[in-house]
Amino acid sequence: MNFYTSKNLSGVGAILVFVSFLALPFSTAFGGFVALIGLILMLIGVKGLADYYREAGIFNNVLYGTITGIVGVVVTAVVAIGMVLTSLSSFLYKIYPGWNGDWTTLSGMTPTTSNLTLSDIAPFIAAALSVFVILFVVTIVVALFYRRSLLSLRDKSGIGLFGTTGTVLLIGAVLTVILIGYLIVWIAILLLAIAFFSISTQQPQPPTSAPTQTPTQV
């Protein structure tokens, strides 16, 4: 894969991930599909750039970050489902006092919530908090891996926007505790696409040191 194909694939992939955020509120499946395609294209492109610059860390850190994100989402889903299913039956017996355990009869029953206590909903609160903490930690780790790759790209390509993007991405990941963090991450992805398309084959020149003057002998 040549240099221009690699940088264009990386840029197009980043744009698709950026666009997928807009599609998610309307169709989670479609938005997720677009993000997956974009991520695959970006990984292929970054691998080409890593080979071009002869810096394996550019690709490896992106790959490690992506794997961490996928594993984190799977672990989060398993933990959430496990915690919810463990307490679901007892919760249903509480709000449907006459329920006999037959799931098909629930649609015809009227729930009773007046006898619910905090201990009844505590397992679901714990599940939500666990999901939040796991996703937060995973997001930070993914951002750190991606930032390492972007700093390497900055040094190899001479495009300072890669370093800026890595910093913005990490700040956004930290601020995902509030909604503004997701907006910052979204902006970072757009900056990433711009940075990819800004790369040229011209390598940054190392700084030249001033010639040393030898003292003249009198």
Protein backbone atom coordinates (compact mmCIF):
# COMPACT_ATOMS: atom_id res chain seq x y z
CA MET A 1 0.00 0.00 0.00
CA ASN A 2 1.47 3.36 -1.01
CA PHE A 3 1.67 6.48 1.11
CA TYR A 4 -1.25 8.37 -0.45
CA THR A 5 -3.62 5.40 -0.18
CA SER A 6 -2.69 4.97 3.49
CA LYS A 7 -3.27 8.60 4.43
CA ASN A 8 -6.54 8.80 2.46
CA LEU A 9 -7.88 5.58 4.01
CA SER A 10 -7.00 6.92 7.45
CA GLY A 11 -8.72 10.23 6.76
CA VAL A 12 -11.85 8.66 5.26
CA GLY A 13 -12.04 6.22 8.19
CA ALA A 14 -11.85 9.08 10.69
CA ILE A 15 -14.59 10.96 8.81
CA LEU A 16 -16.86 7.90 8.90
CA VAL A 17 -16.34 7.56 12.66
CA PHE A 18 -17.13 11.28 12.98
CA VAL A 19 -20.33 10.92 10.91
CA SER A 20 -21.41 7.83 12.87
CA PHE A 21 -21.91 10.01 15.95
CA LEU A 22 -24.59 11.91 14.02
CA ALA A 23 -26.35 8.68 13.02
CA LEU A 24 -26.39 7.07 16.47
CA PRO A 25 -29.40 9.03 17.85
CA PHE A 26 -31.53 7.94 14.87
CA SER A 27 -30.29 4.38 14.38
CA THR A 28 -27.88 2.73 16.78
CA ALA A 29 -27.34 -0.22 14.42
CA PHE A 30 -26.58 1.97 11.40
CA GLY A 31 -24.38 4.33 13.40
CA GLY A 32 -22.47 1.41 14.87
CA PHE A 33 -22.02 -0.12 11.42
CA VAL A 34 -20.65 3.14 9.97
CA ALA A 35 -18.29 3.52 12.95
CA LEU A 36 -17.04 -0.05 12.49
CA ILE A 37 -16.32 0.47 8.79
CA GLY A 38 -14.56 3.75 9.57
CA LEU A 39 -12.48 2.14 12.29
CA ILE A 40 -11.40 -0.70 9.99
CA LEU A 41 -10.40 1.73 7.22
CA MET A 42 -8.48 3.85 9.71
CA LEU A 43 -6.62 0.82 11.08
CA ILE A 44 -5.62 -0.25 7.57
CA GLY A 45 -4.49 3.26 6.72
CA VAL A 46 -2.53 3.72 9.94
CA LYS A 47 -0.78 0.39 9.35
CA GLY A 48 0.36 1.73 5.98
CA LEU A 49 1.59 4.96 7.56
CA ALA A 50 3.44 3.01 10.25
CA ASP A 51 5.19 0.99 7.54
CA TYR A 52 5.99 4.14 5.56
CA TYR A 53 7.54 5.91 8.56
CA ARG A 54 9.09 2.65 9.83
CA GLU A 55 7.61 3.23 13.27
CA ALA A 56 5.66 0.18 14.50
CA GLY A 57 4.35 2.05 17.55
CA ILE A 58 2.12 4.20 15.34
CA PHE A 59 0.01 1.17 14.45
CA ASN A 60 0.53 -0.92 17.58
CA ASN A 61 -0.80 1.74 19.94
CA VAL A 62 -3.90 2.29 17.81
CA LEU A 63 -4.43 -1.48 17.66
CA TYR A 64 -3.99 -1.89 21.44
CA GLY A 65 -6.41 0.97 22.04
CA THR A 66 -9.00 -0.52 19.70
CA ILE A 67 -8.73 -3.97 21.27
CA THR A 68 -9.01 -2.42 24.74
CA GLY A 69 -12.17 -0.59 23.67
CA ILE A 70 -13.79 -3.72 22.22
CA VAL A 71 -12.91 -5.87 25.23
CA GLY A 72 -14.12 -3.10 27.55
CA VAL A 73 -17.51 -2.91 25.86
CA VAL A 74 -17.93 -6.70 25.99
CA VAL A 75 -16.95 -6.85 29.68
CA THR A 76 -19.30 -3.96 30.46
CA ALA A 77 -22.20 -5.71 28.73
CA VAL A 78 -21.53 -9.00 30.55
CA VAL A 79 -21.29 -7.28 33.94
CA ALA A 80 -24.45 -5.24 33.36
CA ILE A 81 -26.50 -8.20 32.13
CA GLY A 82 -25.26 -10.45 34.91
CA MET A 83 -26.04 -7.94 37.66
CA VAL A 84 -29.47 -7.13 36.26
CA LEU A 85 -30.52 -10.75 35.69
CA THR A 86 -29.42 -11.71 39.20
CA SER A 87 -31.94 -9.32 40.77
CA LEU A 88 -34.61 -9.19 38.06
CA SER A 89 -36.78 -12.06 39.29
CA SER A 90 -37.00 -10.84 42.88
CA PHE A 91 -37.73 -7.33 41.62
CA LEU A 92 -40.59 -8.58 39.43
CA TYR A 93 -42.07 -10.58 42.32
CA LYS A 94 -42.02 -7.37 44.34
CA ILE A 95 -43.89 -5.21 41.81
CA TYR A 96 -46.17 -8.06 40.70
CA PRO A 97 -47.19 -9.66 44.02
CA GLY A 98 -49.46 -12.20 42.31
CA TRP A 99 -46.99 -13.29 39.68
CA ASN A 100 -46.50 -17.05 39.41
CA GLY A 101 -43.20 -16.91 37.55
CA ASP A 102 -44.73 -17.31 34.09
CA TRP A 103 -43.24 -14.57 31.89
CA THR A 104 -46.15 -14.69 29.46
CA THR A 105 -48.60 -13.52 32.13
CA LEU A 106 -46.75 -10.28 32.90
CA SER A 107 -48.37 -8.33 30.06
CA GLY A 108 -51.81 -8.71 31.64
CA MET A 109 -50.80 -7.72 35.16
CA THR A 110 -50.71 -4.26 36.74
CA PRO A 111 -47.45 -3.37 38.52
CA THR A 112 -47.50 -2.18 42.12
CA THR A 113 -44.72 0.24 43.01
CA SER A 114 -45.94 1.53 46.34
CA ASN A 115 -44.15 -1.23 48.27
CA LEU A 116 -40.75 -0.71 46.61
CA THR A 117 -37.83 0.20 48.86
CA LEU A 118 -34.34 1.44 48.13
CA SER A 119 -32.93 -2.04 48.67
CA ASP A 120 -35.14 -3.31 45.83
CA ILE A 121 -33.67 -0.92 43.27
CA ALA A 122 -30.15 -0.83 44.74
CA PRO A 123 -28.89 -3.70 42.51
CA PHE A 124 -29.92 -1.79 39.38
CA ILE A 125 -28.25 1.38 40.64
CA ALA A 126 -25.10 -0.65 41.36
CA ALA A 127 -25.23 -2.11 37.84
CA ALA A 128 -25.53 1.36 36.29
CA LEU A 129 -22.62 2.67 38.38
CA SER A 130 -20.49 -0.35 37.48
CA VAL A 131 -21.15 0.20 33.78
CA PHE A 132 -20.26 3.88 34.12
CA VAL A 133 -16.99 3.21 35.98
CA ILE A 134 -15.84 0.46 33.61
CA LEU A 135 -16.61 2.51 30.51
CA PHE A 136 -14.89 5.56 31.99
CA VAL A 137 -11.70 3.65 32.77
CA VAL A 138 -11.73 1.95 29.36
CA THR A 139 -12.21 5.30 27.61
CA ILE A 140 -9.19 6.78 29.41
CA VAL A 141 -6.99 3.81 28.53
CA VAL A 142 -8.08 3.90 24.87
CA ALA A 143 -7.37 7.64 24.70
CA LEU A 144 -3.88 7.13 26.17
CA PHE A 145 -3.02 4.48 23.56
CA TYR A 146 -4.33 6.64 20.73
CA ARG A 147 -2.45 9.67 22.04
CA ARG A 148 0.83 7.75 21.99
CA SER A 149 0.24 6.86 18.35
CA LEU A 150 -0.68 10.43 17.44
CA LEU A 151 2.42 11.84 19.13
CA SER A 152 4.55 9.45 17.09
CA LEU A 153 2.72 10.54 13.93
CA ARG A 154 3.36 14.16 14.86
CA ASP A 155 7.07 13.54 15.22
CA LYS A 156 7.37 11.53 12.00
CA SER A 157 5.12 13.65 9.77
CA GLY A 158 5.81 17.10 11.18
CA ILE A 159 2.05 17.75 11.44
CA GLY A 160 1.55 19.37 14.84
CA LEU A 161 -2.22 18.85 14.62
CA PHE A 162 -1.69 15.18 15.49
CA GLY A 163 -0.29 16.16 18.89
CA THR A 164 -3.13 18.62 19.44
CA THR A 165 -5.66 15.95 18.52
CA GLY A 166 -4.14 13.51 21.00
CA THR A 167 -4.37 16.07 23.80
CA VAL A 168 -7.95 17.04 22.92
CA LEU A 169 -8.92 13.36 22.76
CA LEU A 170 -7.49 12.68 26.22
CA ILE A 171 -9.21 15.75 27.69
CA GLY A 172 -12.49 14.63 26.16
CA ALA A 173 -12.05 11.12 27.58
CA VAL A 174 -11.47 12.51 31.09
CA LEU A 175 -14.52 14.76 30.77
CA THR A 176 -16.85 11.93 29.71
CA VAL A 177 -18.01 12.04 33.33
CA ILE A 178 -20.10 14.90 32.02
CA LEU A 179 -21.75 15.17 28.60
CA ILE A 180 -19.32 17.80 27.31
CA GLY A 181 -16.63 15.13 27.14
CA TYR A 182 -18.40 13.30 24.30
CA LEU A 183 -18.59 16.53 22.33
CA ILE A 184 -14.85 17.08 22.80
CA VAL A 185 -14.09 13.52 21.67
CA TRP A 186 -16.27 14.11 18.59
CA ILE A 187 -14.33 17.29 17.77
CA ALA A 188 -11.04 15.40 18.26
CA ILE A 189 -12.10 12.84 15.64
CA LEU A 190 -12.74 15.65 13.14
CA LEU A 191 -9.31 17.12 13.91
CA LEU A 192 -7.83 13.67 13.35
CA ALA A 193 -9.35 13.45 9.87
CA ILE A 194 -7.96 16.88 8.99
CA ALA A 195 -4.53 15.88 10.29
CA PHE A 196 -4.49 12.71 8.17
CA PHE A 197 -5.34 14.62 4.99
CA SER A 198 -2.65 17.20 5.85
CA ILE A 199 0.23 14.73 5.71
CA SER A 200 2.65 15.06 2.82
CA THR A 201 5.59 12.95 1.76
CA GLN A 202 7.98 15.72 2.70
CA GLN A 203 9.72 14.80 5.92
CA PRO A 204 10.37 17.36 8.66
CA GLN A 205 13.95 18.52 8.62
CA PRO A 206 15.97 18.24 11.83
CA PRO A 207 17.04 21.58 13.29
CA THR A 208 20.42 22.70 12.10
CA SER A 209 22.87 23.81 14.71
CA ALA A 210 24.89 26.96 14.21
CA PRO A 211 28.43 26.24 13.07
CA THR A 212 30.97 26.45 15.82
CA GLN A 213 33.67 29.00 15.34
CA THR A 214 37.18 28.11 16.26
CA PRO A 215 39.03 30.90 17.96
CA THR A 216 41.63 32.54 15.77
CA GLN A 217 45.10 32.46 17.07
CA VAL A 218 46.88 35.71 17.46
